[in-house]
Amino acid sequence: MKALILKGPNEPFIYENVPDPIPQDGEAVAKILACGSGLTIQHVKAGRTKVKFPIIIGHEITAEIVELRGDCGELKVGMPVTAYFYLTCGHCKWCKLNRETLCINFKGYVGRQINGGYAEYISLPAKNFIPIPLSINYKKTPIETGIICDAIATPLKVIKKARIEINDKVGVIGAGGGLGIHMLRMLKLYNIDTIAIETKQIKEKSCRESGASEFINPNSNSKTEVIESFTKDNGLDVVIDFVSSKTSLELGTDLLGNGGRLVTLGGSGEFFNVNSGNMLLKEIELIGSRYCSKQEVIDSLDLVSRNLISPLVTEKIKANEANDLHDRIEKGDVIGRAGIIF
């Protein structure tokens, strides 16, 4: 098969022939139709996320099962599937509670510890494949379908994790990115009043079209006045931070009002300062949220299948254009999601 191979950090993809994957017992092989491209996998390419090279990255797949080995549950040859990003055990305390991201026996990620979806075929544990509802026209919209398992499912989890309710005023930092745009769309689905906080002015139109009623640049001198007007001087109820740098996290906590919740989804790992007095007086909550559960992927596929929410894909490329695409992802120039068709 042909695959996009990363042979080291900060190196270009090499599109070359490699051996077809051979499934082990309890695994299945699927033919990749398309794979989403976002900042999570760009962190691997850029060397910010450590992996053992060479590696095939990518996990937001649309694929069809072509081979099964051993007990593969409900999977059948020809079945359309997407993938669950985390390699979990399925039987520990957290897996049984539908909180697989805290799996005690966690084995890593698709596209990091094992080869991912930037290839013509992929082999995964059968439990990592999730069937695509027949009501989704995955052949017509392969990239849009593939990104549901992350770009839609992750925001769905945030809605629940942050206990967001109809009367909340919510700010989304990094609103124009692949997850941020879909967070706006998820909040719009639940009729939540939202302000987009985004440094790239070119993304304002897409943010507003995706549900933001206000848009501010966090570096602008007028941001405080806009927030005060948006919240009627009460502060934001929830801030969802997809950037999660020291600067953005401190901004997020400063924007919270009484009972405010800050949700961080970024992976910078930076320490930041929070005034403990304000935390106490306002009863502020700091919440970490990682990816989503398998059930949330299934629920997200259902939402899309019923036309309640739609993925936003602005760039669709062929595999030999992947290096240029990832340069744009690194610069933050992609609005919503992009992806590769195989």
Protein backbone atom coordinates (compact mmCIF):
# COMPACT_ATOMS: atom_id res chain seq x y z
CA MET A 1 0.00 0.00 0.00
CA LYS A 2 0.99 3.65 -0.23
CA ALA A 3 1.34 5.70 2.94
CA LEU A 4 2.55 9.08 4.17
CA ILE A 5 5.55 8.23 6.34
CA LEU A 6 7.10 10.53 8.93
CA LYS A 7 10.70 9.48 9.50
CA GLY A 8 11.54 12.11 12.12
CA PRO A 9 10.33 15.30 13.82
CA ASN A 10 10.06 18.35 11.58
CA GLU A 11 10.71 16.22 8.51
CA PRO A 12 8.45 16.19 5.42
CA PHE A 13 6.09 13.32 4.71
CA ILE A 14 7.46 10.68 2.35
CA TYR A 15 4.69 9.19 0.21
CA GLU A 16 5.90 5.70 -0.55
CA ASN A 17 5.00 2.03 -0.81
CA VAL A 18 5.05 0.04 2.45
CA PRO A 19 3.84 -3.47 3.30
CA ASP A 20 0.09 -3.92 3.74
CA PRO A 21 -0.91 -4.25 7.42
CA ILE A 22 -1.46 -7.78 8.71
CA PRO A 23 -4.10 -8.04 11.46
CA GLN A 24 -3.39 -9.88 14.69
CA ASP A 25 -6.06 -11.87 16.54
CA GLY A 26 -8.95 -9.57 17.44
CA GLU A 27 -7.93 -6.95 14.87
CA ALA A 28 -9.42 -5.79 11.60
CA VAL A 29 -8.04 -4.08 8.51
CA ALA A 30 -9.93 -1.26 6.83
CA LYS A 31 -9.43 0.53 3.51
CA ILE A 32 -9.05 4.27 4.14
CA LEU A 33 -11.24 6.58 2.07
CA ALA A 34 -10.22 9.78 3.85
CA CYS A 35 -8.50 11.06 6.99
CA GLY A 36 -8.93 14.37 8.78
CA SER A 37 -5.98 16.69 9.40
CA GLY A 38 -5.79 18.81 12.54
CA LEU A 39 -3.41 20.37 15.03
CA THR A 40 -3.32 17.25 17.24
CA ILE A 41 -1.46 15.29 14.59
CA GLN A 42 0.55 18.32 13.49
CA HIS A 43 2.05 18.32 17.01
CA VAL A 44 3.56 14.92 16.12
CA LYS A 45 4.91 16.12 12.78
CA ALA A 46 6.41 19.21 14.41
CA GLY A 47 8.08 17.17 17.15
CA ARG A 48 6.06 18.65 20.04
CA THR A 49 4.52 15.25 20.73
CA LYS A 50 7.11 12.52 21.16
CA VAL A 51 6.69 9.30 19.19
CA LYS A 52 8.90 6.53 17.89
CA PHE A 53 9.68 7.17 14.25
CA PRO A 54 9.00 6.17 11.53
CA ILE A 55 5.26 6.52 12.03
CA ILE A 56 2.03 6.95 10.03
CA ILE A 57 -0.09 9.61 11.74
CA GLY A 58 -3.82 10.37 11.50
CA HIS A 59 -6.90 9.05 13.30
CA GLU A 60 -10.03 10.83 11.99
CA ILE A 61 -10.83 8.20 9.40
CA THR A 62 -13.60 7.12 7.10
CA ALA A 63 -12.93 3.55 6.02
CA GLU A 64 -14.43 0.22 5.02
CA ILE A 65 -13.59 -3.10 6.68
CA VAL A 66 -11.76 -5.46 4.29
CA GLU A 67 -10.33 -8.15 6.60
CA LEU A 68 -11.11 -9.64 10.03
CA ARG A 69 -9.09 -11.94 12.23
CA GLY A 70 -10.53 -13.77 15.23
CA ASP A 71 -13.37 -12.38 17.32
CA CYS A 72 -14.14 -8.91 15.95
CA GLY A 73 -17.58 -8.49 17.47
CA GLU A 74 -20.16 -6.85 15.20
CA LEU A 75 -17.71 -5.90 12.46
CA LYS A 76 -18.28 -7.31 8.98
CA VAL A 77 -16.38 -7.03 5.72
CA GLY A 78 -17.70 -4.04 3.78
CA MET A 79 -18.93 -2.19 6.88
CA PRO A 80 -18.20 1.58 6.91
CA VAL A 81 -16.32 2.63 10.03
CA THR A 82 -14.52 5.44 11.76
CA ALA A 83 -12.01 5.06 14.61
CA TYR A 84 -11.68 5.73 18.32
CA PHE A 85 -8.42 7.60 18.92
CA TYR A 86 -7.42 6.08 22.28
CA LEU A 87 -6.08 2.53 22.74
CA THR A 88 -7.92 1.43 25.89
CA CYS A 89 -8.49 -1.87 27.68
CA GLY A 90 -12.30 -1.82 27.82
CA HIS A 91 -12.53 -3.52 31.22
CA CYS A 92 -11.00 -1.27 33.90
CA LYS A 93 -12.98 0.98 36.25
CA TRP A 94 -12.85 4.01 33.95
CA CYS A 95 -13.65 2.13 30.75
CA LYS A 96 -16.73 0.62 32.41
CA LEU A 97 -17.83 4.11 33.47
CA ASN A 98 -17.64 5.35 29.85
CA ARG A 99 -14.63 7.48 30.77
CA GLU A 100 -12.11 5.68 28.59
CA THR A 101 -9.75 8.65 28.44
CA LEU A 102 -8.74 7.77 32.02
CA CYS A 103 -8.14 4.07 31.23
CA ILE A 104 -5.83 2.50 33.81
CA ASN A 105 -4.29 0.24 31.16
CA PHE A 106 -3.97 2.96 28.52
CA LYS A 107 -1.74 1.86 25.64
CA GLY A 108 -1.47 5.13 23.71
CA TYR A 109 -3.00 6.59 20.59
CA VAL A 110 -3.81 5.66 17.01
CA GLY A 111 -1.21 7.41 14.88
CA ARG A 112 1.35 7.63 17.69
CA GLN A 113 1.92 4.25 19.34
CA ILE A 114 0.54 2.38 16.33
CA ASN A 115 0.27 3.44 12.69
CA GLY A 116 -2.67 5.64 11.82
CA GLY A 117 -4.84 6.75 8.94
CA TYR A 118 -2.51 8.57 6.54
CA ALA A 119 -2.39 5.45 4.39
CA GLU A 120 -4.46 3.32 2.05
CA TYR A 121 -5.11 0.72 4.77
CA ILE A 122 -5.11 0.60 8.57
CA SER A 123 -5.09 -2.26 11.08
CA LEU A 124 -6.63 -1.62 14.51
CA PRO A 125 -8.05 -3.58 17.43
CA ALA A 126 -11.62 -4.38 16.43
CA LYS A 127 -12.99 -2.44 19.41
CA ASN A 128 -11.40 0.75 18.05
CA PHE A 129 -13.55 0.68 14.93
CA ILE A 130 -16.94 2.37 15.28
CA PRO A 131 -19.62 1.72 12.62
CA ILE A 132 -20.88 4.68 10.61
CA PRO A 133 -24.69 4.93 10.46
CA LEU A 134 -26.11 3.97 7.08
CA SER A 135 -27.98 7.29 6.95
CA ILE A 136 -24.66 9.15 6.57
CA ASN A 137 -23.53 9.34 2.94
CA TYR A 138 -19.89 8.67 3.83
CA LYS A 139 -18.84 8.06 0.22
CA LYS A 140 -20.02 11.54 -0.78
CA THR A 141 -18.56 13.23 2.30
CA PRO A 142 -15.63 11.07 3.42
CA ILE A 143 -13.60 13.81 5.16
CA GLU A 144 -16.64 15.37 6.83
CA THR A 145 -17.60 11.91 8.10
CA GLY A 146 -14.10 11.08 9.31
CA ILE A 147 -13.69 14.17 11.47
CA ILE A 148 -16.90 13.49 13.43
CA CYS A 149 -15.03 11.09 15.74
CA ASP A 150 -12.94 13.96 17.12
CA ALA A 151 -13.99 17.42 15.92
CA ILE A 152 -17.67 16.85 16.79
CA ALA A 153 -17.37 14.30 19.60
CA THR A 154 -14.86 16.32 21.65
CA PRO A 155 -17.14 19.40 21.86
CA LEU A 156 -20.08 17.15 22.75
CA LYS A 157 -18.12 15.94 25.77
CA VAL A 158 -17.29 19.53 26.77
CA ILE A 159 -20.98 20.46 26.84
CA LYS A 160 -21.53 17.75 29.46
CA LYS A 161 -18.23 18.11 31.32
CA ALA A 162 -18.70 21.85 31.88
CA ARG A 163 -22.43 21.42 32.66
CA ILE A 164 -23.31 24.10 30.12
CA GLU A 165 -26.93 25.23 30.34
CA ILE A 166 -29.26 27.34 28.21
CA ASN A 167 -28.72 30.59 30.15
CA ASP A 168 -24.92 30.39 30.20
CA LYS A 169 -22.70 32.90 28.42
CA VAL A 170 -19.75 31.00 26.94
CA GLY A 171 -16.42 32.11 25.51
CA VAL A 172 -14.38 29.90 23.17
CA ILE A 173 -10.65 30.66 22.93
CA GLY A 174 -9.17 29.48 19.64
CA ALA A 175 -12.66 29.54 18.14
CA GLY A 176 -11.55 29.51 14.51
CA GLY A 177 -9.57 26.27 14.69
CA GLY A 178 -10.64 22.74 13.87
CA LEU A 179 -12.08 22.05 17.32
CA GLY A 180 -13.08 25.63 18.07
CA ILE A 181 -15.37 26.00 15.04
CA HIS A 182 -17.13 22.75 15.92
CA MET A 183 -17.43 23.83 19.55
CA LEU A 184 -19.31 26.89 18.30
CA ARG A 185 -21.56 24.66 16.21
CA MET A 186 -22.26 22.37 19.15
CA LEU A 187 -23.11 25.34 21.38
CA LYS A 188 -25.38 26.69 18.65
CA LEU A 189 -27.18 23.33 18.55
CA TYR A 190 -27.98 23.77 22.24
CA ASN A 191 -28.92 27.46 21.80
CA ILE A 192 -26.05 28.71 23.96
CA ASP A 193 -25.03 32.37 23.62
CA THR A 194 -21.35 32.34 22.64
CA ILE A 195 -18.48 34.74 22.03
CA ALA A 196 -15.57 33.67 19.79
CA ILE A 197 -12.11 34.64 21.06
CA GLU A 198 -9.67 34.35 18.17
CA THR A 199 -6.44 36.10 17.13
CA LYS A 200 -6.97 35.70 13.37
CA GLN A 201 -9.47 38.26 12.13
CA ILE A 202 -9.90 36.36 8.86
CA LYS A 203 -11.79 33.66 10.80
CA GLU A 204 -14.49 36.01 12.10
CA LYS A 205 -16.98 35.27 9.31
CA SER A 206 -16.77 31.50 9.82
CA CYS A 207 -17.03 31.87 13.60
CA ARG A 208 -20.19 33.96 13.30
CA GLU A 209 -21.68 31.59 10.71
CA SER A 210 -20.94 28.69 13.09
CA GLY A 211 -22.86 30.28 15.96
CA ALA A 212 -20.84 33.01 17.68
CA SER A 213 -22.93 36.09 18.40
CA GLU A 214 -19.79 38.13 19.17
CA PHE A 215 -16.16 37.98 18.06
CA ILE A 216 -13.12 39.51 19.75
CA ASN A 217 -9.38 39.44 19.24
CA PRO A 218 -7.85 38.70 22.67
CA ASN A 219 -5.06 41.17 21.89
CA SER A 220 -7.45 44.06 21.24
CA ASN A 221 -7.79 46.98 23.63
CA SER A 222 -11.57 46.74 23.51
CA LYS A 223 -11.95 43.12 24.65
CA THR A 224 -12.95 44.05 28.21
CA GLU A 225 -15.72 46.35 27.03
CA VAL A 226 -17.05 43.75 24.57
CA ILE A 227 -17.12 41.04 27.28
CA GLU A 228 -18.82 43.39 29.75
CA SER A 229 -21.49 44.21 27.19
CA PHE A 230 -21.91 40.56 26.19
CA THR A 231 -22.33 39.40 29.81
CA LYS A 232 -24.04 42.53 31.20
CA ASP A 233 -21.07 42.97 33.55
CA ASN A 234 -21.53 39.49 35.06
CA GLY A 235 -18.53 37.76 33.49
CA LEU A 236 -18.59 34.58 31.43
CA ASP A 237 -20.15 31.43 32.87
CA VAL A 238 -17.82 29.14 30.92
CA VAL A 239 -14.56 29.64 29.01
CA ILE A 240 -13.43 26.78 26.75
CA ASP A 241 -9.74 27.10 25.93
CA PHE A 242 -8.42 25.20 22.90
CA VAL A 243 -5.12 27.10 22.98
CA SER A 244 -4.28 26.52 26.66
CA SER A 245 -1.13 28.60 26.78
CA LYS A 246 -0.18 30.48 29.94
CA THR A 247 -1.57 33.67 28.41
CA SER A 248 -4.87 32.18 27.24
CA LEU A 249 -5.53 30.30 30.48
CA GLU A 250 -4.94 33.40 32.55
CA LEU A 251 -7.17 35.41 30.22
CA GLY A 252 -9.86 32.74 30.52
CA THR A 253 -9.91 32.79 34.31
CA ASP A 254 -9.96 36.60 34.34
CA LEU A 255 -13.07 36.60 32.12
CA LEU A 256 -15.08 34.29 34.41
CA GLY A 257 -17.89 35.53 36.60
CA ASN A 258 -19.45 33.95 39.68
CA GLY A 259 -19.63 30.18 39.42
CA GLY A 260 -17.50 30.27 36.29
CA ARG A 261 -15.89 27.17 34.79
CA LEU A 262 -12.66 27.17 32.78
CA VAL A 263 -12.23 24.13 30.54
CA THR A 264 -8.77 23.42 29.13
CA LEU A 265 -8.28 21.07 26.18
CA GLY A 266 -4.86 22.14 24.97
CA GLY A 267 -1.62 20.30 25.48
CA SER A 268 0.92 23.05 26.12
CA GLY A 269 1.64 21.85 29.66
CA GLU A 270 2.48 25.38 30.78
CA PHE A 271 1.99 26.54 34.36
CA PHE A 272 -0.29 29.54 34.79
CA ASN A 273 -1.28 31.86 37.62
CA VAL A 274 -4.71 31.91 39.21
CA ASN A 275 -5.76 34.17 42.06
CA SER A 276 -6.91 31.76 44.77
CA GLY A 277 -8.90 34.54 46.41
CA ASN A 278 -10.95 35.01 43.25
CA MET A 279 -11.37 31.25 42.95
CA LEU A 280 -12.83 31.18 46.45
CA LEU A 281 -15.01 34.30 46.21
CA LYS A 282 -16.40 33.41 42.77
CA GLU A 283 -16.38 29.62 43.31
CA ILE A 284 -14.47 29.22 40.05
CA GLU A 285 -13.83 25.70 38.72
CA LEU A 286 -10.80 24.65 36.65
CA ILE A 287 -11.65 21.63 34.49
CA GLY A 288 -9.49 19.44 32.27
CA SER A 289 -11.16 17.60 29.39
CA ARG A 290 -9.46 14.96 27.21
CA TYR A 291 -10.98 13.81 23.94
CA CYS A 292 -14.25 11.89 24.50
CA SER A 293 -15.79 8.49 25.21
CA LYS A 294 -16.73 5.91 22.59
CA GLN A 295 -20.36 6.58 23.38
CA GLU A 296 -19.84 10.26 22.63
CA VAL A 297 -18.44 9.31 19.22
CA ILE A 298 -21.55 7.19 18.61
CA ASP A 299 -23.80 10.02 19.81
CA SER A 300 -21.99 12.51 17.55
CA LEU A 301 -22.44 10.25 14.53
CA ASP A 302 -26.13 10.13 15.41
CA LEU A 303 -26.38 13.93 15.59
CA VAL A 304 -24.83 14.26 12.14
CA SER A 305 -26.97 11.47 10.72
CA ARG A 306 -30.08 13.42 11.82
CA ASN A 307 -28.74 16.66 10.28
CA LEU A 308 -28.66 18.38 13.67
CA ILE A 309 -25.04 19.45 13.25
CA SER A 310 -22.65 19.45 10.31
CA PRO A 311 -18.84 19.26 10.16
CA LEU A 312 -16.94 22.13 8.51
CA VAL A 313 -14.19 21.06 6.11
CA THR A 314 -12.57 23.86 4.10
CA GLU A 315 -9.66 22.03 2.46
CA LYS A 316 -9.71 18.64 0.72
CA ILE A 317 -6.43 17.47 -0.74
CA LYS A 318 -4.64 14.46 -2.19
CA ALA A 319 -1.90 12.67 -0.29
CA ASN A 320 0.93 14.22 -2.30
CA GLU A 321 -0.17 17.68 -1.08
CA ALA A 322 0.07 16.80 2.63
CA ASN A 323 3.27 18.75 3.36
CA ASP A 324 1.79 22.03 2.12
CA LEU A 325 -1.41 21.39 4.09
CA HIS A 326 0.49 20.79 7.32
CA ASP A 327 2.45 24.00 6.80
CA ARG A 328 -0.89 25.86 6.76
CA ILE A 329 -2.10 23.97 9.83
CA GLU A 330 1.09 24.93 11.67
CA LYS A 331 0.52 28.59 10.84
CA GLY A 332 -3.12 28.41 11.99
CA ASP A 333 -4.38 29.36 8.54
CA VAL A 334 -6.92 26.53 8.14
CA ILE A 335 -10.51 27.41 9.06
CA GLY A 336 -12.33 24.46 10.61
CA ARG A 337 -10.91 21.14 9.48
CA ALA A 338 -9.00 19.89 6.47
CA GLY A 339 -8.37 16.37 5.28
CA ILE A 340 -6.81 13.97 2.82
CA ILE A 341 -8.67 11.77 0.35
CA PHE A 342 -6.98 8.46 -0.48
